[in-house]
Amino acid sequence: MNQKKCGAVVLAAGSGRRMGGGTKKQYMLLGDKPIVYYPLKVFQESFIEQIVLVVSAGDVDYCRKEIVERYGFGKVCHIIEGGQERYDSVAAGLRAADCDFVFIHDGARPFPTQEMLERLLRCVEESGACVAGMPVKDTVKIAGADGCIVSTPDRRFVWQVQTPQVFAYGLIRNAYECLMEKKDELAAQGIAVTDDAMVVEHFTGHKVKLVEGSYENIKITTPEDIRIAEALLERK
């Protein structure tokens, strides 16, 4: 049986509006290296065979010289510009990928691990679709439009979803092509697309498995997250 080819789409096209300052969050220094360096290093040293790096408009040359070439990320086969929304960037990254299974990861999550990738690979080989995540620690409330509590879901069944999110390539590619055809219709209905699993669920009905990630697999969004990431990096 031929071994399946694994690729990754790493998203580094965000504007980082909630971070403030003039530097996009994926290029801000964590330790002495840009945040996006850390997930790229994990994928570079893994079983992943190719990486598509999706960046903001105008950042292709910078990322090629200052990140990919500077740190020797030889598995990065394409550096492409993303779009206005996250789903535009994912769709562009998928079109550039050539693999059997694709790991979609936010470049602002610096701490995926090899063990996490292995768990996800085993699951996607069996299920075709899975995402990293962790059970929530806090009680979650569902609020109504008036800001009052509507319901309290059973915490045993509530997970905080992370990336990587991993799929059979044909499944996720077809789901995103459907999304791109109908994105205006979804927007008119007030449906916000927030992650890749949602795209697969909505357009294919394929079930997506949850796989244990890590509570340290944080996404850097605000200045407070940088301080947490620095503490985690120092401990590592």
Protein backbone atom coordinates (compact mmCIF):
# COMPACT_ATOMS: atom_id res chain seq x y z
CA MET A 1 0.00 0.00 0.00
CA ASN A 2 1.39 3.39 -1.01
CA GLN A 3 2.01 5.86 1.77
CA LYS A 4 -0.26 8.86 1.61
CA LYS A 5 1.33 12.23 0.91
CA CYS A 6 0.79 14.88 3.59
CA GLY A 7 0.90 18.61 3.02
CA ALA A 8 0.26 21.70 5.12
CA VAL A 9 -1.34 25.07 4.46
CA VAL A 10 -0.01 27.61 6.96
CA LEU A 11 -2.03 30.82 7.17
CA ALA A 12 -0.04 33.98 7.81
CA ALA A 13 -2.22 36.51 6.02
CA GLY A 14 -3.95 38.07 9.01
CA SER A 15 -3.83 41.78 9.73
CA GLY A 16 -3.61 41.43 13.52
CA ARG A 17 -5.96 44.35 14.22
CA ARG A 18 -6.55 43.29 17.81
CA MET A 19 -2.82 43.18 18.50
CA GLY A 20 -2.23 46.87 17.81
CA GLY A 21 1.09 48.33 16.74
CA GLY A 22 2.61 48.48 13.26
CA THR A 23 3.90 44.89 12.92
CA LYS A 24 1.57 42.12 11.79
CA LYS A 25 1.26 39.59 14.60
CA GLN A 26 2.66 36.66 12.59
CA TYR A 27 5.93 38.61 12.19
CA MET A 28 6.19 39.86 15.76
CA LEU A 29 9.13 38.44 17.66
CA LEU A 30 8.58 35.62 20.12
CA GLY A 31 11.92 35.04 21.76
CA ASP A 32 14.22 36.14 18.96
CA LYS A 33 12.20 34.78 16.03
CA PRO A 34 8.92 35.74 14.31
CA ILE A 35 5.83 33.91 15.56
CA VAL A 36 5.23 32.15 12.24
CA TYR A 37 8.72 30.60 12.46
CA TYR A 38 7.63 28.20 15.20
CA PRO A 39 4.82 26.31 13.45
CA LEU A 40 6.83 26.26 10.22
CA LYS A 41 9.73 24.65 12.11
CA VAL A 42 7.43 21.95 13.51
CA PHE A 43 6.07 21.11 10.05
CA GLN A 44 9.57 21.26 8.51
CA GLU A 45 10.79 18.64 10.98
CA SER A 46 7.71 16.38 10.64
CA PHE A 47 6.43 13.80 8.15
CA ILE A 48 4.80 16.66 6.21
CA GLU A 49 6.24 16.68 2.69
CA GLN A 50 5.20 20.12 1.44
CA ILE A 51 4.12 23.42 2.95
CA VAL A 52 2.08 26.16 1.29
CA LEU A 53 2.58 29.46 3.12
CA VAL A 54 -0.26 31.95 2.62
CA VAL A 55 0.66 35.56 3.36
CA SER A 56 -0.79 39.04 3.09
CA ALA A 57 -0.73 40.98 -0.17
CA GLY A 58 2.74 42.38 -0.76
CA ASP A 59 4.47 40.09 1.76
CA VAL A 60 5.60 37.28 -0.56
CA ASP A 61 9.15 38.56 -1.12
CA TYR A 62 9.62 39.45 2.54
CA CYS A 63 8.51 36.00 3.69
CA ARG A 64 10.66 34.25 1.11
CA LYS A 65 13.82 36.10 2.11
CA GLU A 66 13.36 36.79 5.81
CA ILE A 67 11.57 33.61 6.90
CA VAL A 68 11.73 30.73 4.41
CA GLU A 69 15.27 31.26 3.10
CA ARG A 70 16.69 32.70 6.31
CA TYR A 71 15.62 29.71 8.40
CA GLY A 72 16.00 27.03 5.75
CA PHE A 73 12.39 25.92 5.45
CA GLY A 74 12.97 23.79 2.38
CA LYS A 75 9.55 22.14 2.51
CA VAL A 76 7.84 25.45 1.71
CA CYS A 77 7.05 24.87 -1.95
CA HIS A 78 4.74 27.84 -2.51
CA ILE A 79 4.38 31.29 -0.94
CA ILE A 80 1.15 32.85 -2.13
CA GLU A 81 -1.01 35.85 -1.33
CA GLY A 82 -4.19 35.25 0.62
CA GLY A 83 -7.49 37.07 0.40
CA GLN A 84 -9.66 39.43 2.37
CA GLU A 85 -11.15 36.74 4.64
CA ARG A 86 -9.64 33.64 6.20
CA TYR A 87 -11.67 31.38 3.93
CA ASP A 88 -10.30 33.19 0.86
CA SER A 89 -6.77 32.44 2.08
CA VAL A 90 -7.54 28.79 2.81
CA ALA A 91 -9.10 28.34 -0.62
CA ALA A 92 -6.03 29.84 -2.28
CA GLY A 93 -3.73 27.63 -0.24
CA LEU A 94 -5.68 24.50 -1.10
CA ARG A 95 -5.49 25.25 -4.82
CA ALA A 96 -1.69 25.38 -4.54
CA ALA A 97 -1.41 22.15 -2.53
CA ASP A 98 -0.71 18.70 -3.97
CA CYS A 99 -1.28 15.99 -1.37
CA ASP A 100 -3.59 13.28 -0.07
CA PHE A 101 -4.08 14.75 3.42
CA VAL A 102 -3.77 18.45 4.20
CA PHE A 103 -3.05 20.04 7.58
CA ILE A 104 -4.49 23.57 7.77
CA HIS A 105 -2.84 25.61 10.51
CA ASP A 106 -2.96 29.19 11.75
CA GLY A 107 0.48 30.78 11.61
CA ALA A 108 -0.34 32.61 14.86
CA ARG A 109 -0.39 29.28 16.77
CA PRO A 110 3.30 28.75 17.53
CA PHE A 111 3.13 25.57 19.60
CA PRO A 112 1.85 22.54 17.70
CA THR A 113 3.89 19.43 18.46
CA GLN A 114 5.08 16.37 16.59
CA GLU A 115 2.95 14.18 18.86
CA MET A 116 -0.11 16.25 17.99
CA LEU A 117 0.57 15.86 14.27
CA GLU A 118 0.95 12.09 14.69
CA ARG A 119 -2.40 11.85 16.52
CA LEU A 120 -4.12 13.86 13.81
CA LEU A 121 -2.57 11.76 11.04
CA ARG A 122 -3.78 8.51 12.59
CA CYS A 123 -7.27 9.94 12.91
CA VAL A 124 -7.54 11.44 9.42
CA GLU A 125 -6.40 8.16 7.88
CA GLU A 126 -9.42 6.51 9.49
CA SER A 127 -12.03 9.28 9.39
CA GLY A 128 -11.07 11.61 6.55
CA ALA A 129 -11.62 14.71 8.69
CA CYS A 130 -10.42 15.75 12.14
CA VAL A 131 -9.46 18.81 14.14
CA ALA A 132 -7.26 19.48 17.13
CA GLY A 133 -9.01 20.75 20.22
CA MET A 134 -9.34 20.49 23.98
CA PRO A 135 -12.30 20.16 26.35
CA VAL A 136 -13.21 23.51 27.86
CA LYS A 137 -12.28 24.09 31.50
CA ASP A 138 -14.90 26.72 32.23
CA THR A 139 -18.68 26.57 32.20
CA VAL A 140 -19.98 27.99 28.91
CA LYS A 141 -23.15 30.06 28.60
CA ILE A 142 -25.16 30.69 25.43
CA ALA A 143 -26.39 34.28 25.32
CA GLY A 144 -29.33 35.79 23.52
CA ALA A 145 -29.38 39.05 21.58
CA ASP A 146 -30.31 40.88 24.79
CA GLY A 147 -27.15 39.66 26.54
CA CYS A 148 -29.04 37.34 28.89
CA ILE A 149 -28.28 33.66 29.33
CA VAL A 150 -30.33 31.38 27.10
CA SER A 151 -28.83 28.01 27.97
CA THR A 152 -25.88 26.22 29.59
CA PRO A 153 -24.44 23.40 27.47
CA ASP A 154 -23.09 20.32 29.25
CA ARG A 155 -19.39 21.05 29.69
CA ARG A 156 -18.53 17.39 29.06
CA PHE A 157 -19.39 17.86 25.40
CA VAL A 158 -17.94 21.33 24.77
CA TRP A 159 -14.51 21.62 23.16
CA GLN A 160 -12.32 24.57 22.30
CA VAL A 161 -11.28 23.99 18.70
CA GLN A 162 -7.71 24.64 17.56
CA THR A 163 -5.59 24.01 14.49
CA PRO A 164 -4.23 22.00 12.75
CA GLN A 165 -7.47 20.91 11.13
CA VAL A 166 -6.80 17.95 8.87
CA PHE A 167 -8.72 16.52 5.94
CA ALA A 168 -8.57 14.24 2.97
CA TYR A 169 -7.55 16.66 0.26
CA GLY A 170 -10.44 15.99 -2.12
CA LEU A 171 -12.99 16.42 0.65
CA ILE A 172 -11.77 19.81 1.86
CA ARG A 173 -10.97 21.11 -1.63
CA ASN A 174 -14.49 20.35 -2.86
CA ALA A 175 -16.04 21.84 0.28
CA TYR A 176 -14.12 25.09 -0.19
CA GLU A 177 -14.98 25.32 -3.87
CA CYS A 178 -18.65 25.10 -2.85
CA LEU A 179 -18.08 27.79 -0.24
CA MET A 180 -16.44 30.15 -2.70
CA GLU A 181 -19.40 29.77 -5.07
CA LYS A 182 -21.93 30.50 -2.30
CA LYS A 183 -20.08 32.86 0.05
CA ASP A 184 -22.23 35.87 -0.89
CA GLU A 185 -25.36 33.84 -0.23
CA LEU A 186 -24.06 32.76 3.18
CA ALA A 187 -23.12 36.33 4.06
CA ALA A 188 -26.62 37.49 3.17
CA GLN A 189 -27.98 34.86 5.55
CA GLY A 190 -25.67 36.08 8.31
CA ILE A 191 -23.70 32.81 8.42
CA ALA A 192 -20.09 33.43 9.46
CA VAL A 193 -17.51 30.83 8.45
CA THR A 194 -15.07 30.57 11.34
CA ASP A 195 -13.13 27.36 10.74
CA ASP A 196 -12.45 24.63 8.21
CA ALA A 197 -14.46 21.95 9.99
CA MET A 198 -17.56 24.13 9.60
CA VAL A 199 -17.00 24.28 5.83
CA VAL A 200 -16.81 20.49 5.58
CA GLU A 201 -19.83 19.99 7.85
CA HIS A 202 -21.97 22.54 6.01
CA PHE A 203 -21.17 21.60 2.42
CA THR A 204 -20.54 17.85 2.60
CA GLY A 205 -22.23 16.55 5.75
CA HIS A 206 -19.06 14.59 6.51
CA LYS A 207 -18.51 14.11 10.24
CA VAL A 208 -15.39 15.69 11.73
CA LYS A 209 -13.62 13.98 14.62
CA LEU A 210 -12.14 15.86 17.57
CA VAL A 211 -8.55 14.95 18.49
CA GLU A 212 -6.69 16.04 21.60
CA GLY A 213 -4.43 19.00 20.89
CA SER A 214 -2.89 20.86 23.83
CA TYR A 215 -3.86 23.64 26.20
CA GLU A 216 -0.51 25.19 25.24
CA ASN A 217 -1.51 25.29 21.56
CA ILE A 218 -2.69 28.88 21.96
CA LYS A 219 -3.51 31.36 19.23
CA ILE A 220 -1.80 34.71 19.60
CA THR A 221 -4.42 37.41 19.10
CA THR A 222 -3.88 40.09 21.77
CA PRO A 223 -0.85 41.51 23.63
CA GLU A 224 -1.77 39.35 26.64
CA ASP A 225 -1.31 36.25 24.48
CA ILE A 226 2.25 37.30 23.67
CA ARG A 227 3.13 37.32 27.36
CA ILE A 228 1.63 33.87 27.80
CA ALA A 229 3.51 32.58 24.75
CA GLU A 230 6.79 34.01 26.05
CA ALA A 231 6.30 32.15 29.33
CA LEU A 232 5.52 28.91 27.48
CA LEU A 233 8.53 29.33 25.21
CA GLU A 234 10.84 29.95 28.15
CA ARG A 235 9.58 26.79 29.84
CA LYS A 236 10.09 24.76 26.66
